[in-house]
Each structure stands twice: as structure tokens, then as C-alpha cells.
Amino acid sequence: MVEIKVLPRRDNVSSLASKRANLITEKSKVPILAGTVIKKDFYKVAEKYGIKIYEY
């Protein structure tokens, strides 16, 4: 599952985490949040929820 945001906010991370809980039953699948401008504190928050962050 991938979500792309130009400037992701913390509520995007929690929203993606809740979608993950509802849709993914296999632990081998990982949600991804991608964006162009991602603050450094997002990496810690996303790691807490098991979400990968990609910045491009």
C-alpha cells in the first residue's frame, strides 16, 4: 500500500497505520508513505507504526 503526499503531516501517518490494520493481514506487506518534503521527526513516528518513508 502506497500513499504519496507532497508535504505529509502526522495525521497522514496515523491514517496510513489504521488502513494497514484494516487491510493487511500478512506481516510481510509494508505500507509506504512517499513525499517530496519530509521532516526528520517523521521517520521516528513512521518506524513506530511500521511504515516505510521514501523522500524524493
PDB file of N, CA and C in Angstrom:
ATOM      1  N   MET A   1       0.856  -1.154   0.000  1.00  0.00           N
ATOM      2  CA  MET A   1       0.000   0.000   0.000  1.00  0.00           C
ATOM      3  C   MET A   1       0.908   1.225   0.000  1.00  0.00           C
ATOM      4  N   VAL A   2       0.649   2.153  -0.914  1.00  0.00           N
ATOM      5  CA  VAL A   2       1.480   3.352  -1.043  1.00  0.00           C
ATOM      6  C   VAL A   2       0.592   4.586  -1.009  1.00  0.00           C
ATOM      7  N   GLU A   3       1.012   5.577  -0.244  1.00  0.00           N
ATOM      8  CA  GLU A   3       0.379   6.898  -0.245  1.00  0.00           C
ATOM      9  C   GLU A   3       1.452   7.907  -0.580  1.00  0.00           C
ATOM     10  N   ILE A   4       1.115   8.847  -1.457  1.00  0.00           N
ATOM     11  CA  ILE A   4       2.067   9.872  -1.856  1.00  0.00           C
ATOM     12  C   ILE A   4       1.493  11.231  -1.489  1.00  0.00           C
ATOM     13  N   LYS A   5       2.268  11.989  -0.748  1.00  0.00           N
ATOM     14  CA  LYS A   5       1.891  13.339  -0.322  1.00  0.00           C
ATOM     15  C   LYS A   5       3.074  14.259  -0.594  1.00  0.00           C
ATOM     16  N   VAL A   6       2.821  15.484  -1.035  1.00  0.00           N
ATOM     17  CA  VAL A   6       3.914  16.432  -1.244  1.00  0.00           C
ATOM     18  C   VAL A   6       4.538  16.801   0.094  1.00  0.00           C
ATOM     19  N   LEU A   7       3.715  17.153   1.053  1.00  0.00           N
ATOM     20  CA  LEU A   7       4.179  17.521   2.386  1.00  0.00           C
ATOM     21  C   LEU A   7       3.338  16.744   3.399  1.00  0.00           C
ATOM     22  N   PRO A   8       3.743  15.513   3.719  1.00  0.00           N
ATOM     23  CA  PRO A   8       2.941  14.703   4.637  1.00  0.00           C
ATOM     24  C   PRO A   8       2.886  15.295   6.043  1.00  0.00           C
ATOM     25  N   ARG A   9       1.748  15.056   6.706  1.00  0.00           N
ATOM     26  CA  ARG A   9       1.567  15.505   8.084  1.00  0.00           C
ATOM     27  C   ARG A   9       1.464  14.274   8.978  1.00  0.00           C
ATOM     28  N   ARG A  10       1.513  14.499  10.280  1.00  0.00           N
ATOM     29  CA  ARG A  10       1.431  13.373  11.222  1.00  0.00           C
ATOM     30  C   ARG A  10       0.121  12.617  11.112  1.00  0.00           C
ATOM     31  N   ASP A  11      -0.957  13.315  10.807  1.00  0.00           N
ATOM     32  CA  ASP A  11      -2.231  12.610  10.671  1.00  0.00           C
ATOM     33  C   ASP A  11      -2.239  11.693   9.453  1.00  0.00           C
ATOM     34  N   ASN A  12      -1.398  11.962   8.443  1.00  0.00           N
ATOM     35  CA  ASN A  12      -1.263  11.046   7.317  1.00  0.00           C
ATOM     36  C   ASN A  12      -0.626   9.734   7.759  1.00  0.00           C
ATOM     37  N   VAL A  13       0.324   9.813   8.679  1.00  0.00           N
ATOM     38  CA  VAL A  13       0.986   8.607   9.187  1.00  0.00           C
ATOM     39  C   VAL A  13       0.000   7.771   9.992  1.00  0.00           C
ATOM     40  N   SER A  14      -0.750   8.398  10.869  1.00  0.00           N
ATOM     41  CA  SER A  14      -1.710   7.633  11.669  1.00  0.00           C
ATOM     42  C   SER A  14      -2.846   7.090  10.805  1.00  0.00           C
ATOM     43  N   SER A  15      -3.247   7.826   9.789  1.00  0.00           N
ATOM     44  CA  SER A  15      -4.277   7.348   8.866  1.00  0.00           C
ATOM     45  C   SER A  15      -3.794   6.118   8.098  1.00  0.00           C
ATOM     46  N   LEU A  16      -2.566   6.161   7.632  1.00  0.00           N
ATOM     47  CA  LEU A  16      -1.992   5.021   6.918  1.00  0.00           C
ATOM     48  C   LEU A  16      -1.830   3.822   7.842  1.00  0.00           C
ATOM     49  N   ALA A  17      -1.495   4.079   9.087  1.00  0.00           N
ATOM     50  CA  ALA A  17      -1.366   2.984  10.055  1.00  0.00           C
ATOM     51  C   ALA A  17      -2.712   2.317  10.309  1.00  0.00           C
ATOM     52  N   SER A  18      -3.792   3.092  10.374  1.00  0.00           N
ATOM     53  CA  SER A  18      -5.110   2.491  10.587  1.00  0.00           C
ATOM     54  C   SER A  18      -5.569   1.729   9.354  1.00  0.00           C
ATOM     55  N   LYS A  19      -5.240   2.228   8.162  1.00  0.00           N
ATOM     56  CA  LYS A  19      -5.562   1.494   6.932  1.00  0.00           C
ATOM     57  C   LYS A  19      -4.811   0.170   6.897  1.00  0.00           C
ATOM     58  N   ARG A  20      -3.561   0.210   7.359  1.00  0.00           N
ATOM     59  CA  ARG A  20      -2.753  -1.009   7.406  1.00  0.00           C
ATOM     60  C   ARG A  20      -3.407  -2.041   8.322  1.00  0.00           C
ATOM     61  N   ALA A  21      -3.884  -1.590   9.454  1.00  0.00           N
ATOM     62  CA  ALA A  21      -4.511  -2.504  10.411  1.00  0.00           C
ATOM     63  C   ALA A  21      -5.777  -3.121   9.836  1.00  0.00           C
ATOM     64  N   ASN A  22      -6.497  -2.366   9.036  1.00  0.00           N
ATOM     65  CA  ASN A  22      -7.741  -2.858   8.460  1.00  0.00           C
ATOM     66  C   ASN A  22      -7.546  -3.737   7.230  1.00  0.00           C
ATOM     67  N   LEU A  23      -6.515  -3.479   6.443  1.00  0.00           N
ATOM     68  CA  LEU A  23      -6.373  -4.154   5.160  1.00  0.00           C
ATOM     69  C   LEU A  23      -5.326  -5.256   5.119  1.00  0.00           C
ATOM     70  N   ILE A  24      -4.296  -5.134   5.902  1.00  0.00           N
ATOM     71  CA  ILE A  24      -3.182  -6.073   5.789  1.00  0.00           C
ATOM     72  C   ILE A  24      -3.249  -7.110   6.899  1.00  0.00           C
ATOM     73  N   THR A  25      -3.317  -8.351   6.494  1.00  0.00           N
ATOM     74  CA  THR A  25      -3.309  -9.435   7.469  1.00  0.00           C
ATOM     75  C   THR A  25      -1.961 -10.129   7.492  1.00  0.00           C
ATOM     76  N   GLU A  26      -1.181  -9.939   6.446  1.00  0.00           N
ATOM     77  CA  GLU A  26       0.145 -10.541   6.386  1.00  0.00           C
ATOM     78  C   GLU A  26       1.182  -9.530   6.841  1.00  0.00           C
ATOM     79  N   LYS A  27       2.099  -9.955   7.680  1.00  0.00           N
ATOM     80  CA  LYS A  27       3.124  -9.033   8.189  1.00  0.00           C
ATOM     81  C   LYS A  27       4.207  -8.750   7.161  1.00  0.00           C
ATOM     82  N   SER A  28       4.254  -9.530   6.077  1.00  0.00           N
ATOM     83  CA  SER A  28       5.293  -9.326   5.069  1.00  0.00           C
ATOM     84  C   SER A  28       5.005  -8.109   4.189  1.00  0.00           C
ATOM     85  N   LYS A  29       3.790  -7.582   4.217  1.00  0.00           N
ATOM     86  CA  LYS A  29       3.435  -6.405   3.441  1.00  0.00           C
ATOM     87  C   LYS A  29       3.668  -5.159   4.282  1.00  0.00           C
ATOM     88  N   VAL A  30       4.265  -4.135   3.654  1.00  0.00           N
ATOM     89  CA  VAL A  30       4.643  -2.927   4.389  1.00  0.00           C
ATOM     90  C   VAL A  30       4.017  -1.703   3.732  1.00  0.00           C
ATOM     91  N   PRO A  31       3.320  -0.864   4.484  1.00  0.00           N
ATOM     92  CA  PRO A  31       2.799   0.383   3.917  1.00  0.00           C
ATOM     93  C   PRO A  31       3.936   1.387   3.698  1.00  0.00           C
ATOM     94  N   ILE A  32       3.798   2.192   2.665  1.00  0.00           N
ATOM     95  CA  ILE A  32       4.829   3.168   2.300  1.00  0.00           C
ATOM     96  C   ILE A  32       4.185   4.539   2.181  1.00  0.00           C
ATOM     97  N   LEU A  33       4.838   5.540   2.764  1.00  0.00           N
ATOM     98  CA  LEU A  33       4.429   6.932   2.625  1.00  0.00           C
ATOM     99  C   LEU A  33       5.553   7.657   1.910  1.00  0.00           C
ATOM    100  N   ALA A  34       5.257   8.199   0.733  1.00  0.00           N
ATOM    101  CA  ALA A  34       6.270   8.884  -0.057  1.00  0.00           C
ATOM    102  C   ALA A  34       5.914  10.357  -0.177  1.00  0.00           C
ATOM    103  N   GLY A  35       6.941  11.193  -0.274  1.00  0.00           N
ATOM    104  CA  GLY A  35       6.714  12.626  -0.412  1.00  0.00           C
ATOM    105  C   GLY A  35       7.971  13.344  -0.836  1.00  0.00           C
ATOM    106  N   THR A  36       7.840  14.637  -1.115  1.00  0.00           N
ATOM    107  CA  THR A  36       8.985  15.422  -1.545  1.00  0.00           C
ATOM    108  C   THR A  36       9.641  16.164  -0.388  1.00  0.00           C
ATOM    109  N   VAL A  37       8.859  16.546   0.605  1.00  0.00           N
ATOM    110  CA  VAL A  37       9.393  17.266   1.760  1.00  0.00           C
ATOM    111  C   VAL A  37       8.931  16.530   3.020  1.00  0.00           C
ATOM    112  N   ILE A  38       9.856  15.836   3.665  1.00  0.00           N
ATOM    113  CA  ILE A  38       9.510  15.061   4.859  1.00  0.00           C
ATOM    114  C   ILE A  38      10.408  15.506   6.005  1.00  0.00           C
ATOM    115  N   LYS A  39       9.790  15.873   7.102  1.00  0.00           N
ATOM    116  CA  LYS A  39      10.552  16.312   8.274  1.00  0.00           C
ATOM    117  C   LYS A  39      11.247  15.117   8.914  1.00  0.00           C
ATOM    118  N   LYS A  40      12.372  15.376   9.558  1.00  0.00           N
ATOM    119  CA  LYS A  40      13.168  14.294  10.146  1.00  0.00           C
ATOM    120  C   LYS A  40      12.433  13.533  11.241  1.00  0.00           C
ATOM    121  N   ASP A  41      11.565  14.194  11.989  1.00  0.00           N
ATOM    122  CA  ASP A  41      10.848  13.503  13.062  1.00  0.00           C
ATOM    123  C   ASP A  41       9.820  12.509  12.521  1.00  0.00           C
ATOM    124  N   PHE A  42       9.445  12.615  11.251  1.00  0.00           N
ATOM    125  CA  PHE A  42       8.514  11.672  10.645  1.00  0.00           C
ATOM    126  C   PHE A  42       9.082  10.265  10.601  1.00  0.00           C
ATOM    127  N   TYR A  43      10.386  10.152  10.424  1.00  0.00           N
ATOM    128  CA  TYR A  43      10.996   8.831  10.319  1.00  0.00           C
ATOM    129  C   TYR A  43      10.796   8.035  11.609  1.00  0.00           C
ATOM    130  N   LYS A  44      10.920   8.688  12.749  1.00  0.00           N
ATOM    131  CA  LYS A  44      10.721   8.005  14.036  1.00  0.00           C
ATOM    132  C   LYS A  44       9.259   7.627  14.239  1.00  0.00           C
ATOM    133  N   VAL A  45       8.356   8.519  13.893  1.00  0.00           N
ATOM    134  CA  VAL A  45       6.922   8.252  14.044  1.00  0.00           C
ATOM    135  C   VAL A  45       6.508   7.107  13.121  1.00  0.00           C
ATOM    136  N   ALA A  46       6.966   7.144  11.886  1.00  0.00           N
ATOM    137  CA  ALA A  46       6.616   6.101  10.921  1.00  0.00           C
ATOM    138  C   ALA A  46       7.187   4.749  11.338  1.00  0.00           C
ATOM    139  N   GLU A  47       8.394   4.745  11.854  1.00  0.00           N
ATOM    140  CA  GLU A  47       9.005   3.495  12.322  1.00  0.00           C
ATOM    141  C   GLU A  47       8.183   2.886  13.456  1.00  0.00           C
ATOM    142  N   LYS A  48       7.651   3.723  14.311  1.00  0.00           N
ATOM    143  CA  LYS A  48       6.810   3.259  15.421  1.00  0.00           C
ATOM    144  C   LYS A  48       5.574   2.513  14.911  1.00  0.00           C
ATOM    145  N   TYR A  49       5.016   2.971  13.790  1.00  0.00           N
ATOM    146  CA  TYR A  49       3.831   2.351  13.209  1.00  0.00           C
ATOM    147  C   TYR A  49       4.156   1.282  12.166  1.00  0.00           C
ATOM    148  N   GLY A  50       5.436   1.067  11.859  1.00  0.00           N
ATOM    149  CA  GLY A  50       5.810   0.068  10.873  1.00  0.00           C
ATOM    150  C   GLY A  50       5.629   0.533   9.435  1.00  0.00           C
ATOM    151  N   ILE A  51       5.773   1.836   9.209  1.00  0.00           N
ATOM    152  CA  ILE A  51       5.587   2.423   7.881  1.00  0.00           C
ATOM    153  C   ILE A  51       6.937   2.853   7.332  1.00  0.00           C
ATOM    154  N   LYS A  52       7.198   2.533   6.074  1.00  0.00           N
ATOM    155  CA  LYS A  52       8.424   2.968   5.410  1.00  0.00           C
ATOM    156  C   LYS A  52       8.203   4.352   4.828  1.00  0.00           C
ATOM    157  N   ILE A  53       9.232   5.198   4.877  1.00  0.00           N
ATOM    158  CA  ILE A  53       9.172   6.547   4.346  1.00  0.00           C
ATOM    159  C   ILE A  53      10.158   6.663   3.181  1.00  0.00           C
ATOM    160  N   TYR A  54       9.689   7.201   2.061  1.00  0.00           N
ATOM    161  CA  TYR A  54      10.549   7.471   0.927  1.00  0.00           C
ATOM    162  C   TYR A  54      10.424   8.945   0.561  1.00  0.00           C
ATOM    163  N   GLU A  55      11.568   9.602   0.458  1.00  0.00           N
ATOM    164  CA  GLU A  55      11.610  11.025   0.126  1.00  0.00           C
ATOM    165  C   GLU A  55      12.308  11.164  -1.217  1.00  0.00           C
ATOM    166  N   TYR A  56      11.676  11.884  -2.130  1.00  0.00           N
ATOM    167  CA  TYR A  56      12.292  12.090  -3.443  1.00  0.00           C
ATOM    168  C   TYR A  56      12.192  13.532  -3.854  1.00  0.00           C
TER     169      TYR A  56
END
